[in-house]
Protein backbone atom coordinates (compact mmCIF):
# COMPACT_ATOMS: atom_id res chain seq x y z
CA UNK A 1 1.67 -26.68 -13.40
CA UNK A 2 1.96 -30.35 -12.54
CA UNK A 3 0.39 -29.48 -9.17
CA UNK A 4 -2.88 -28.41 -10.91
CA UNK A 5 -2.79 -31.34 -13.36
CA UNK A 6 -2.69 -33.79 -10.53
CA UNK A 7 -5.29 -32.06 -8.48
CA UNK A 8 -7.69 -30.57 -11.09
CA UNK A 9 -10.73 -32.48 -9.75
CA UNK A 10 -10.11 -31.30 -6.17
CA UNK A 11 -9.74 -27.74 -7.49
CA UNK A 12 -13.04 -27.99 -9.38
CA UNK A 13 -14.82 -29.50 -6.43
CA UNK A 14 -13.57 -26.79 -4.16
CA UNK A 15 -14.73 -24.06 -6.54
CA UNK A 16 -18.23 -25.51 -6.72
CA UNK A 17 -18.52 -25.97 -2.92
CA UNK A 18 -16.90 -22.63 -2.03
CA UNK A 19 -19.02 -20.47 -4.29
CA UNK A 20 -22.11 -22.52 -3.40
CA UNK A 21 -21.59 -21.63 0.28
CA UNK A 22 -20.79 -18.03 -0.75
CA UNK A 23 -23.98 -17.89 -2.84
CA UNK A 24 -26.22 -19.24 -0.09
CA UNK A 25 -24.65 -16.78 2.37
CA UNK A 26 -25.54 -14.00 -0.02
CA UNK A 27 -29.11 -15.16 -0.31
CA UNK A 28 -29.33 -15.27 3.49
CA UNK A 29 -27.98 -11.68 3.64
CA UNK A 30 -30.55 -10.55 1.06
CA UNK A 31 -33.33 -12.20 3.07
CA UNK A 32 -32.29 -10.41 6.25
CA UNK A 33 -30.93 -7.13 4.93
CA UNK A 34 -31.02 -5.26 8.28
CA UNK A 35 -28.82 -7.89 10.05
CA UNK A 36 -26.52 -7.98 7.01
CA UNK A 37 -26.14 -4.18 7.01
CA UNK A 38 -25.25 -4.27 10.70
CA UNK A 39 -22.69 -6.97 10.04
CA UNK A 40 -21.19 -5.01 7.08
CA UNK A 41 -21.05 -1.74 9.05
CA UNK A 42 -19.29 -3.39 12.04
CA UNK A 43 -16.78 -5.03 9.72
CA UNK A 44 -16.23 -1.93 7.69
CA UNK A 45 -15.84 0.22 10.83
CA UNK A 46 -13.34 -2.24 12.33
CA UNK A 47 -11.16 -2.11 9.12
CA UNK A 48 -11.49 1.63 8.72
CA UNK A 49 -10.33 2.20 12.31
CA UNK A 50 -6.91 0.89 11.47
CA UNK A 51 -4.77 4.04 11.61
CA UNK A 52 -2.51 3.07 8.67
CA UNK A 53 -5.47 2.42 6.36
CA UNK A 54 -7.11 5.65 7.44
CA UNK A 55 -3.96 7.58 6.73
CA UNK A 56 -3.47 6.04 3.35
CA UNK A 57 -7.08 6.92 2.38
CA UNK A 58 -6.58 10.57 3.32
CA UNK A 59 -3.51 10.81 1.12
CA UNK A 60 -5.19 9.09 -1.78
CA UNK A 61 -8.32 11.10 -1.73
CA UNK A 62 -6.28 14.29 -1.58
CA UNK A 63 -4.72 13.35 -4.94
CA UNK A 64 -1.43 11.71 -3.75
CA UNK A 65 -1.86 8.51 -5.79
CA UNK A 66 1.58 7.28 -4.95
CA UNK A 67 0.04 6.03 -1.72
CA UNK A 68 -1.90 3.46 -3.77
CA UNK A 69 1.20 1.27 -3.61
CA UNK A 70 1.47 0.84 0.19
CA UNK A 71 -2.28 0.47 0.30
CA UNK A 72 -2.15 -2.40 -2.15
CA UNK A 73 0.66 -3.94 -0.02
CA UNK A 74 -1.50 -3.69 3.02
CA UNK A 75 -4.41 -5.54 1.33
CA UNK A 76 -2.08 -8.21 0.02
CA UNK A 77 -0.62 -8.92 3.46
CA UNK A 78 -4.05 -8.80 5.14
CA UNK A 79 -5.73 -11.14 2.69
CA UNK A 80 -2.81 -13.53 2.62
CA UNK A 81 -2.41 -13.66 6.45
CA UNK A 82 -6.15 -14.14 6.78
CA UNK A 83 -6.09 -17.16 4.49
CA UNK A 84 -2.89 -18.52 5.96
CA UNK A 85 -4.03 -18.21 9.67
CA UNK A 86 -7.53 -19.41 9.24
CA UNK A 87 -6.96 -22.16 6.65
CA UNK A 88 -3.30 -23.07 6.70
CA UNK A 89 -2.40 -22.90 10.38
CA UNK A 90 -5.13 -25.26 11.67
CA UNK A 91 -3.89 -27.87 9.19
CA UNK A 92 -0.48 -28.07 10.82
CA UNK A 93 -2.15 -29.89 13.74
CA UNK A 94 -5.47 -31.48 12.53
CA UNK A 95 -5.59 -32.82 8.96
CA UNK A 96 -8.35 -31.35 6.81
CA UNK A 97 -9.27 -28.81 9.43
CA UNK A 98 -8.00 -25.91 7.25
CA UNK A 99 -10.07 -27.24 4.37
CA UNK A 100 -13.16 -26.94 6.54
CA UNK A 101 -12.47 -23.51 7.95
CA UNK A 102 -12.20 -22.15 4.41
CA UNK A 103 -15.90 -22.59 4.01
CA UNK A 104 -16.45 -20.38 7.06
CA UNK A 105 -14.48 -17.72 5.13
CA UNK A 106 -16.81 -18.28 2.11
CA UNK A 107 -19.86 -17.70 4.30
CA UNK A 108 -18.33 -14.42 5.71
CA UNK A 109 -17.49 -13.25 2.14
CA UNK A 110 -21.01 -14.00 0.85
CA UNK A 111 -22.93 -12.56 3.83
CA UNK A 112 -20.76 -9.50 4.07
CA UNK A 113 -21.03 -8.64 0.31
CA UNK A 114 -24.69 -9.59 -0.26
CA UNK A 115 -26.18 -7.11 -2.71
CA UNK A 116 -29.04 -6.08 -0.37
CA UNK A 117 -29.55 -2.70 -2.21
CA UNK A 118 -29.74 -4.25 -5.67
CA UNK A 119 -27.27 -4.81 -8.52
CA UNK A 120 -25.29 -1.79 -9.81
CA UNK A 121 -21.77 -1.02 -10.94
CA UNK A 122 -20.52 -0.65 -7.40
CA UNK A 123 -21.95 -3.93 -6.38
CA UNK A 124 -20.60 -5.72 -9.41
CA UNK A 125 -17.18 -4.32 -8.64
CA UNK A 126 -17.39 -5.63 -5.11
CA UNK A 127 -18.51 -9.03 -6.34
CA UNK A 128 -15.55 -9.30 -8.64
CA UNK A 129 -13.38 -8.61 -5.74
CA UNK A 130 -15.09 -11.39 -3.77
CA UNK A 131 -14.38 -13.79 -6.68
CA UNK A 132 -10.64 -12.80 -6.76
CA UNK A 133 -10.25 -13.12 -3.02
CA UNK A 134 -12.21 -16.31 -3.07
CA UNK A 135 -9.78 -17.82 -5.53
CA UNK A 136 -6.92 -16.96 -3.19
CA UNK A 137 -8.77 -18.72 -0.37
CA UNK A 138 -9.59 -21.72 -2.61
CA UNK A 139 -5.96 -22.21 -3.51
CA UNK A 140 -4.91 -22.26 0.12
CA UNK A 141 -7.74 -24.75 0.77
CA UNK A 142 -6.54 -26.96 -2.10
CA UNK A 143 -3.03 -26.95 -0.68
CA UNK A 144 -4.47 -27.81 2.67
CA UNK A 145 -6.48 -30.71 1.23
CA UNK A 146 -3.48 -32.06 -0.68
CA UNK A 147 -1.23 -31.64 2.36
CA UNK A 148 -3.73 -33.53 4.57
CA UNK A 149 -4.16 -36.34 2.04
CA UNK A 150 -0.40 -37.03 1.97
CA UNK A 151 -0.16 -36.87 5.74
CA UNK A 152 -3.37 -38.78 6.71
CA UNK A 153 -3.13 -41.44 3.95
CA UNK A 154 0.70 -41.60 3.57
CA UNK A 155 0.72 -45.27 2.55
CA UNK A 156 -1.61 -44.60 -0.42
CA UNK A 157 0.88 -42.07 -1.79
CA UNK A 158 3.91 -44.38 -1.31
CA UNK A 159 5.35 -42.50 1.59
CA UNK A 160 7.51 -44.70 4.01
CA UNK A 161 6.04 -42.85 7.12
CA UNK A 162 3.47 -40.38 8.17
CA UNK A 163 6.24 -37.81 8.81
CA UNK A 164 7.47 -38.24 5.22
CA UNK A 165 3.88 -37.68 3.95
CA UNK A 166 3.56 -34.63 6.12
CA UNK A 167 6.82 -33.09 4.76
CA UNK A 168 5.99 -33.84 1.12
CA UNK A 169 2.43 -32.64 1.51
CA UNK A 170 3.71 -29.38 3.12
CA UNK A 171 5.83 -28.79 0.06
CA UNK A 172 2.79 -29.11 -2.17
CA UNK A 173 0.96 -26.75 0.15
CA UNK A 174 3.65 -24.13 -0.36
CA UNK A 175 3.25 -24.43 -4.09
CA UNK A 176 -0.46 -23.80 -3.80
CA UNK A 177 0.21 -20.94 -1.47
CA UNK A 178 2.53 -19.30 -4.04
CA UNK A 179 -0.32 -19.37 -6.65
CA UNK A 180 -2.60 -17.93 -3.95
CA UNK A 181 -0.18 -15.01 -3.45
CA UNK A 182 -0.27 -14.22 -7.11
CA UNK A 183 -4.01 -14.16 -7.17
CA UNK A 184 -4.25 -12.09 -4.01
CA UNK A 185 -1.70 -9.67 -5.48
CA UNK A 186 -4.10 -9.05 -8.27
CA UNK A 187 -7.00 -8.76 -5.81
CA UNK A 188 -5.03 -6.21 -3.69
CA UNK A 189 -4.38 -4.04 -6.69
CA UNK A 190 -8.01 -4.19 -7.76
CA UNK A 191 -9.26 -3.45 -4.22
CA UNK A 192 -7.00 -0.42 -4.03
CA UNK A 193 -8.18 0.93 -7.41
CA UNK A 194 -11.77 0.24 -6.37
CA UNK A 195 -11.41 2.30 -3.22
CA UNK A 196 -9.71 5.04 -5.20
CA UNK A 197 -12.57 5.18 -7.72
CA UNK A 198 -15.48 4.69 -5.48
CA UNK A 199 -14.26 6.23 -2.16
CA UNK A 200 -15.37 3.21 -0.12
């Protein structure tokens, strides 16, 4: 927990910025509902076309709820790899780049889940999912920010060299990533149950 104590301000700032971008993207989606609907349908069609996911849904909707477990595993891997590849990977080469690409993910979340048809129980369920997945992304962004800080300003943190700052920052990034996995695990279970209940 020392990681959060030492970076609580960064974590708060990221939450404010991330959900502000997400909220603005939702507003944009509501202002242009036709474009948002096309975007949502293309994204939903692309995900639904994955054979594994389609097979899991067939089993679940036929009453074989044991298939909820591999489906939850699929969502966990999908969400974690998405955050790791779009936020964590760029940071290995360019400091703070992963921190910035995370806001693109916030915009995609917000625009894709904009409540263009009004607020109802289904919409609220999806919004809660966005919040959970957003927290997973924010934690990876936080790790990316801390990692870049130790790498870019290594002397300010007392590291003898930039390489030492890079290595130490990477260790902190892994800690943040571990917390992200825990959050995304909860999000994966919730998303699985949401599909089971709503048939999305």
